[in-house]
Amino acid sequence: MQHFITKSNFIRIAKKYSPVLDNNNKNVYTSNIPFLSEVERKGILTIKQFLISSKDNLIKFTANAFIKDTFSYVNEEARYAKYHSSSNCEGLKAIFRDLEIPVEIKYKNGSKEIDKEGVEAFRRWFKQEEISNLYNTNQKKFIEKLQLKFNLKNPPKPVEIGNGEFHEVANMSLNEITIEIGNILNGVDEFYNKSEDHKNVLVNHGFSTKTFLVTSRKYRDVPINNNFTELSDKEVRIILTEFYNKIKKPILDLLTNYWILKLNSCLDFNKSLLEQLQFKPCKLCIHEKPQYIEDIDINDNDVEEDIFMDFFHNNNHKVQLVDSLTFC
């Protein structure tokens, strides 16, 4: 029987695996990809080594599928990741709607440590019927109370996260992935030369490896260090966002799929292994009412290392999670 989980849940487990990377496992692809940062390279190599080790039965599974509260959203909660008995399960296609915790609340006084007590206090305050009603019906009065209580001028931003159309990696062959990677890499120079500003930012000043400046909640709203491009931070981020969406994000997804198909195309982690890793059966699949969104992964890219959990908010604050994977 097939069982399904999201690709991001697979990556979450793989990233908890700490491999020893030998000399035979230092290539992220058959050709060099210079715009990947060292953190991104290590992320791909970790996925690759995880698949090699699991195939050779050398891996010791110490990780589990418990998803911690990232303190990023008002209604978020810690929970276990789910596996699904049907690819048609609503949980694989559901839309998660919530509100972001303002960064000023999450990181008090610019601290690098999450102020968990502050986040919980904000959650309790917001969930009061009077406050939540004001947010939905009278933004002006809501902001007045927000400023009075927390000295904030801007309301929390709404966010929608969804898995989109269900997709099995096996639907795309290794050869098709290789061709697609080649097409993107062959078009990189053309993208760099799209304008003088593009070349200046991405090539001359090396920002092609620094897309975390737009994908990370921690970095995307702060001044850019060493911005000697003669462009504003906003202008640099516009170019980085375009580069991330059109070049880097597709390449990272394709490289992950490339190694999955090359090393373990069926991803034959059976039900007993999923349960060993503490995945829980989806309640929607067995017609029980869930207490929370079953399989929408709350991805918080507050550190550059979380490259595979990146999401980028466009002007409508909507993002789409990576595709789902089939576990046979």
Protein backbone atom coordinates (compact mmCIF):
# COMPACT_ATOMS: atom_id res chain seq x y z
CA MET A 1 0.00 0.00 0.00
CA GLN A 2 1.27 3.46 -0.87
CA HIS A 3 1.63 6.12 1.78
CA PHE A 4 2.13 9.80 1.10
CA ILE A 5 3.90 12.63 2.88
CA THR A 6 4.99 16.06 1.72
CA LYS A 7 8.43 16.60 0.33
CA SER A 8 9.09 19.23 2.97
CA ASN A 9 8.45 16.63 5.67
CA PHE A 10 10.94 14.30 3.97
CA ILE A 11 13.48 17.14 3.89
CA ARG A 12 12.78 17.93 7.53
CA ILE A 13 13.75 14.37 8.49
CA ALA A 14 16.76 14.32 6.17
CA LYS A 15 18.06 17.61 7.55
CA LYS A 16 18.08 16.15 11.06
CA TYR A 17 20.51 13.53 9.79
CA SER A 18 24.14 14.61 10.26
CA PRO A 19 26.21 12.72 7.68
CA VAL A 20 29.94 12.49 7.33
CA LEU A 21 30.48 13.73 3.79
CA ASP A 22 33.23 11.70 2.14
CA ASN A 23 35.24 12.64 -0.93
CA ASN A 24 32.79 10.76 -3.15
CA ASN A 25 29.91 12.94 -2.02
CA LYS A 26 31.05 16.49 -2.61
CA ASN A 27 29.31 17.20 -5.90
CA VAL A 28 25.83 18.66 -5.80
CA TYR A 29 25.48 17.94 -9.53
CA THR A 30 27.44 16.78 -12.56
CA SER A 31 28.47 20.36 -13.32
CA ASN A 32 29.38 23.30 -11.11
CA ILE A 33 26.59 25.64 -9.98
CA PRO A 34 28.41 28.77 -8.77
CA PHE A 35 25.37 30.68 -7.51
CA LEU A 36 24.68 28.20 -4.72
CA SER A 37 25.91 29.28 -1.30
CA GLU A 38 27.89 26.90 0.91
CA VAL A 39 24.82 26.46 3.08
CA GLU A 40 22.73 25.51 0.05
CA ARG A 41 25.42 23.10 -1.17
CA LYS A 42 25.56 21.41 2.22
CA GLY A 43 21.77 21.12 2.21
CA ILE A 44 21.75 19.26 -1.10
CA LEU A 45 24.65 17.04 -0.04
CA THR A 46 22.86 16.15 3.19
CA ILE A 47 19.80 15.02 1.23
CA LYS A 48 22.06 13.04 -1.10
CA GLN A 49 23.97 11.31 1.72
CA PHE A 50 20.75 10.56 3.59
CA LEU A 51 19.43 8.70 0.54
CA ILE A 52 22.73 6.83 0.05
CA SER A 53 22.90 5.78 3.70
CA SER A 54 19.27 4.69 3.89
CA LYS A 55 19.68 2.65 0.70
CA ASP A 56 22.76 0.92 2.14
CA ASN A 57 21.01 0.36 5.48
CA LEU A 58 23.74 2.38 7.18
CA ILE A 59 21.54 5.07 8.61
CA LYS A 60 20.55 5.25 12.24
CA PHE A 61 17.24 7.06 12.53
CA THR A 62 17.46 9.35 15.53
CA ALA A 63 15.21 12.04 14.07
CA ASN A 64 11.46 12.15 14.35
CA ALA A 65 8.56 13.87 12.66
CA PHE A 66 7.62 16.14 15.53
CA ILE A 67 7.09 19.66 14.21
CA LYS A 68 7.97 22.28 16.75
CA ASP A 69 6.11 25.53 17.19
CA THR A 70 8.22 28.09 15.31
CA PHE A 71 6.42 30.98 17.02
CA SER A 72 5.79 32.50 13.60
CA TYR A 73 1.98 32.52 13.44
CA VAL A 74 -0.91 33.39 15.70
CA ASN A 75 -2.68 30.01 15.53
CA GLU A 76 0.36 27.77 15.09
CA GLU A 77 0.96 24.84 17.42
CA ALA A 78 3.46 22.01 17.83
CA ARG A 79 2.33 18.71 16.32
CA TYR A 80 3.44 15.54 14.55
CA ALA A 81 3.74 15.37 10.77
CA LYS A 82 1.22 13.11 9.06
CA TYR A 83 1.32 10.38 6.47
CA HIS A 84 -1.63 9.81 4.15
CA SER A 85 -3.20 6.68 2.74
CA SER A 86 -4.68 8.56 -0.23
CA SER A 87 -3.18 11.04 -2.67
CA ASN A 88 -6.62 12.65 -2.80
CA CYS A 89 -6.59 13.51 0.89
CA GLU A 90 -7.68 17.07 1.59
CA GLY A 91 -4.77 17.40 3.99
CA LEU A 92 -2.28 17.21 1.10
CA LYS A 93 -4.07 20.02 -0.71
CA ALA A 94 -5.34 22.12 2.16
CA ILE A 95 -4.73 25.84 2.50
CA PHE A 96 -3.28 27.10 5.75
CA ARG A 97 -4.46 30.61 6.60
CA ASP A 98 -3.01 32.50 9.51
CA LEU A 99 -1.39 35.74 10.63
CA GLU A 100 2.32 36.33 11.04
CA ILE A 101 3.68 37.21 14.45
CA PRO A 102 5.24 40.69 14.01
CA VAL A 103 9.03 40.44 13.98
CA GLU A 104 9.20 43.10 16.71
CA ILE A 105 7.28 40.72 18.97
CA LYS A 106 9.16 37.58 17.98
CA TYR A 107 12.59 39.17 18.41
CA LYS A 108 12.39 41.63 21.26
CA ASN A 109 14.71 44.64 20.91
CA GLY A 110 16.39 43.08 17.88
CA SER A 111 17.53 39.99 19.78
CA LYS A 112 18.54 36.90 17.80
CA GLU A 113 16.67 34.70 20.29
CA ILE A 114 12.93 34.17 19.97
CA ASP A 115 10.95 35.83 22.76
CA LYS A 116 8.59 32.91 23.35
CA GLU A 117 6.81 34.56 26.27
CA GLY A 118 6.26 37.67 24.18
CA VAL A 119 4.82 35.62 21.31
CA GLU A 120 2.45 33.75 23.61
CA ALA A 121 1.34 37.03 25.19
CA PHE A 122 0.61 38.43 21.73
CA ARG A 123 -1.31 35.29 20.77
CA ARG A 124 -3.45 35.48 23.91
CA TRP A 125 -4.12 39.16 23.34
CA PHE A 126 -5.03 38.72 19.68
CA LYS A 127 -7.35 35.77 20.32
CA GLN A 128 -9.57 37.83 22.59
CA GLU A 129 -12.94 38.13 20.86
CA GLU A 130 -12.92 41.93 20.99
CA ILE A 131 -9.43 42.18 19.45
CA SER A 132 -9.91 39.60 16.70
CA ASN A 133 -13.23 41.20 15.75
CA LEU A 134 -11.57 44.61 15.52
CA TYR A 135 -8.86 43.17 13.28
CA ASN A 136 -11.50 41.87 10.89
CA THR A 137 -13.87 44.84 10.99
CA ASN A 138 -12.01 48.00 12.00
CA GLN A 139 -8.31 48.12 11.23
CA LYS A 140 -7.95 51.70 12.46
CA LYS A 141 -9.18 50.91 15.97
CA PHE A 142 -7.25 47.63 15.95
CA ILE A 143 -4.00 49.48 15.20
CA GLU A 144 -4.74 51.98 17.97
CA LYS A 145 -5.04 49.13 20.48
CA LEU A 146 -2.01 47.38 18.97
CA GLN A 147 0.09 50.50 19.40
CA LEU A 148 -1.18 51.08 22.92
CA LYS A 149 -0.49 47.48 24.00
CA PHE A 150 2.72 46.65 22.11
CA ASN A 151 3.87 49.98 20.64
CA LEU A 152 3.44 48.60 17.11
CA LYS A 153 2.12 50.61 14.19
CA ASN A 154 1.53 47.86 11.66
CA PRO A 155 -0.96 44.96 11.98
CA PRO A 156 0.18 41.32 11.61
CA LYS A 157 0.32 40.22 7.98
CA PRO A 158 -2.07 37.57 6.67
CA VAL A 159 -0.50 34.53 5.05
CA GLU A 160 -1.78 31.65 2.94
CA ILE A 161 0.27 28.49 2.53
CA GLY A 162 -0.85 25.59 0.40
CA ASN A 163 0.55 22.44 -1.19
CA GLY A 164 -1.02 23.21 -4.53
CA GLU A 165 -1.70 20.43 -7.00
CA PHE A 166 -0.56 17.04 -5.70
CA HIS A 167 2.46 15.82 -7.62
CA GLU A 168 4.44 12.60 -7.50
CA VAL A 169 8.14 12.94 -8.23
CA ALA A 170 7.96 9.75 -10.31
CA ASN A 171 5.86 11.66 -12.87
CA MET A 172 9.06 13.38 -13.97
CA SER A 173 11.83 11.14 -15.22
CA LEU A 174 15.49 11.56 -14.31
CA ASN A 175 16.23 12.48 -17.92
CA GLU A 176 13.50 15.14 -17.90
CA ILE A 177 14.87 16.61 -14.68
CA THR A 178 18.39 16.64 -16.14
CA ILE A 179 17.15 18.46 -19.25
CA GLU A 180 15.25 21.00 -17.16
CA ILE A 181 18.29 21.68 -14.96
CA GLY A 182 20.36 22.16 -18.13
CA ASN A 183 17.80 24.57 -19.57
CA ILE A 184 17.86 26.72 -16.44
CA LEU A 185 21.65 26.71 -16.13
CA ASN A 186 22.03 27.58 -19.81
CA GLY A 187 19.79 30.58 -19.25
CA VAL A 188 21.62 31.97 -16.22
CA ASP A 189 24.00 34.19 -18.21
CA GLU A 190 21.09 35.62 -20.13
CA PHE A 191 19.40 36.43 -16.81
CA TYR A 192 22.58 38.05 -15.47
CA ASN A 193 22.78 40.22 -18.60
CA LYS A 194 19.12 41.19 -18.49
CA SER A 195 20.24 44.65 -17.40
CA GLU A 196 23.32 46.40 -16.05
CA ASP A 197 21.70 46.37 -12.60
CA HIS A 198 21.13 42.60 -12.74
CA LYS A 199 24.77 41.98 -13.65
CA ASN A 200 25.98 44.50 -11.08
CA VAL A 201 24.00 42.94 -8.22
CA LEU A 202 24.25 39.24 -9.05
CA VAL A 203 27.71 38.97 -10.61
CA ASN A 204 29.88 41.98 -9.80
CA HIS A 205 28.83 42.08 -6.15
CA GLY A 206 28.10 38.37 -5.68
CA PHE A 207 24.55 38.64 -4.38
CA SER A 208 23.49 35.53 -6.35
CA THR A 209 24.58 33.46 -3.32
CA LYS A 210 22.68 35.68 -0.86
CA THR A 211 19.04 35.08 -1.68
CA PHE A 212 18.35 34.58 2.02
CA LEU A 213 18.10 38.39 2.03
CA VAL A 214 14.64 37.97 0.49
CA THR A 215 13.59 34.50 1.65
CA SER A 216 14.35 34.87 5.35
CA ARG A 217 11.91 36.64 7.62
CA LYS A 218 14.87 37.58 9.76
CA TYR A 219 16.83 39.30 7.00
CA ARG A 220 14.36 40.48 4.38
CA ASP A 221 13.30 43.63 6.28
CA VAL A 222 16.66 44.75 7.67
CA PRO A 223 19.33 46.89 5.99
CA ILE A 224 21.68 44.95 3.69
CA ASN A 225 25.25 44.88 4.93
CA ASN A 226 27.96 45.81 2.42
CA ASN A 227 25.55 46.98 -0.26
CA PHE A 228 28.03 48.76 -2.52
CA THR A 229 25.94 48.34 -5.67
CA GLU A 230 24.84 52.01 -5.76
CA LEU A 231 21.27 50.66 -5.73
CA SER A 232 18.87 50.90 -2.82
CA ASP A 233 18.25 47.83 -0.66
CA LYS A 234 14.76 47.66 -2.13
CA GLU A 235 16.11 47.63 -5.68
CA VAL A 236 18.62 44.90 -4.78
CA ARG A 237 15.87 42.80 -3.22
CA ILE A 238 13.64 43.15 -6.28
CA ILE A 239 16.42 41.65 -8.42
CA LEU A 240 17.18 38.95 -5.84
CA THR A 241 13.52 38.00 -5.63
CA GLU A 242 13.28 37.60 -9.39
CA PHE A 243 16.49 35.55 -9.43
CA TYR A 244 15.29 33.32 -6.58
CA ASN A 245 11.89 32.66 -8.14
CA LYS A 246 13.10 32.07 -11.70
CA ILE A 247 16.50 30.45 -11.19
CA LYS A 248 17.55 29.39 -7.71
CA LYS A 249 14.34 27.94 -6.23
CA PRO A 250 13.63 25.79 -9.33
CA ILE A 251 17.24 24.55 -9.29
CA LEU A 252 17.13 23.64 -5.58
CA ASP A 253 13.86 21.74 -6.08
CA LEU A 254 15.14 19.97 -9.20
CA LEU A 255 18.43 18.98 -7.54
CA THR A 256 16.53 17.46 -4.63
CA ASN A 257 14.31 15.52 -7.04
CA TYR A 258 17.35 14.55 -9.13
CA TRP A 259 19.04 12.81 -6.22
CA ILE A 260 15.82 11.23 -5.03
CA LEU A 261 15.22 9.65 -8.44
CA LYS A 262 18.86 8.74 -8.96
CA LEU A 263 19.45 7.13 -5.57
CA ASN A 264 16.06 5.89 -4.37
CA SER A 265 13.36 6.56 -6.93
CA CYS A 266 10.61 4.80 -5.01
CA LEU A 267 11.65 6.25 -1.65
CA ASP A 268 10.72 2.90 -0.17
CA PHE A 269 10.24 4.00 3.40
CA ASN A 270 7.33 1.80 4.39
CA LYS A 271 4.58 2.49 6.91
CA SER A 272 6.48 0.87 9.78
CA LEU A 273 9.43 3.18 9.16
CA LEU A 274 7.17 6.22 9.01
CA GLU A 275 5.71 5.18 12.34
CA GLN A 276 9.21 4.57 13.69
CA LEU A 277 9.97 8.16 12.77
CA GLN A 278 6.80 9.10 14.68
CA PHE A 279 4.72 10.18 11.70
CA LYS A 280 1.06 9.94 12.62
CA PRO A 281 -1.76 8.73 10.34
CA CYS A 282 -3.79 11.56 8.89
CA LYS A 283 -7.14 11.85 10.64
CA LEU A 284 -8.81 13.07 7.46
CA CYS A 285 -7.84 9.82 5.73
CA ILE A 286 -9.66 7.80 8.38
CA HIS A 287 -12.57 10.25 8.47
CA GLU A 288 -11.81 11.79 11.83
CA LYS A 289 -11.97 15.50 12.49
CA PRO A 290 -8.49 17.01 12.90
CA GLN A 291 -7.75 19.60 15.56
CA TYR A 292 -5.42 21.49 13.26
CA ILE A 293 -4.34 21.53 9.62
CA GLU A 294 -3.12 17.99 9.03
CA ASP A 295 -0.24 18.33 6.64
CA ILE A 296 0.50 21.96 6.02
CA ASP A 297 4.10 22.51 7.06
CA ILE A 298 4.73 25.72 8.92
CA ASN A 299 8.00 26.83 7.43
CA ASP A 300 9.99 29.52 9.18
CA ASN A 301 13.18 30.62 7.51
CA ASP A 302 14.64 32.62 10.36
CA VAL A 303 18.14 31.32 9.73
CA GLU A 304 19.90 30.99 6.41
CA GLU A 305 20.48 27.28 7.09
CA ASP A 306 16.78 26.56 6.63
CA ILE A 307 17.11 26.88 2.87
CA PHE A 308 14.71 24.05 2.06
CA MET A 309 12.03 25.53 4.27
CA ASP A 310 12.19 28.89 2.46
CA PHE A 311 9.09 30.62 1.35
CA PHE A 312 8.78 34.05 -0.16
CA HIS A 313 5.88 36.41 0.41
CA ASN A 314 4.81 38.26 -2.70
CA ASN A 315 2.65 41.36 -2.55
CA ASN A 316 -0.38 39.25 -1.62
CA HIS A 317 1.57 37.36 1.07
CA LYS A 318 0.86 34.05 -0.64
CA VAL A 319 3.30 31.20 -1.03
CA GLN A 320 3.21 27.66 -2.29
CA LEU A 321 4.96 24.78 -0.60
CA VAL A 322 7.05 22.29 -2.51
CA ASP A 323 5.45 19.26 -4.10
CA SER A 324 4.48 16.11 -2.27
CA LEU A 325 6.31 12.82 -2.60
CA THR A 326 5.00 9.29 -2.94
CA PHE A 327 6.25 6.81 -0.35
CA CYS A 328 5.71 3.25 -1.58
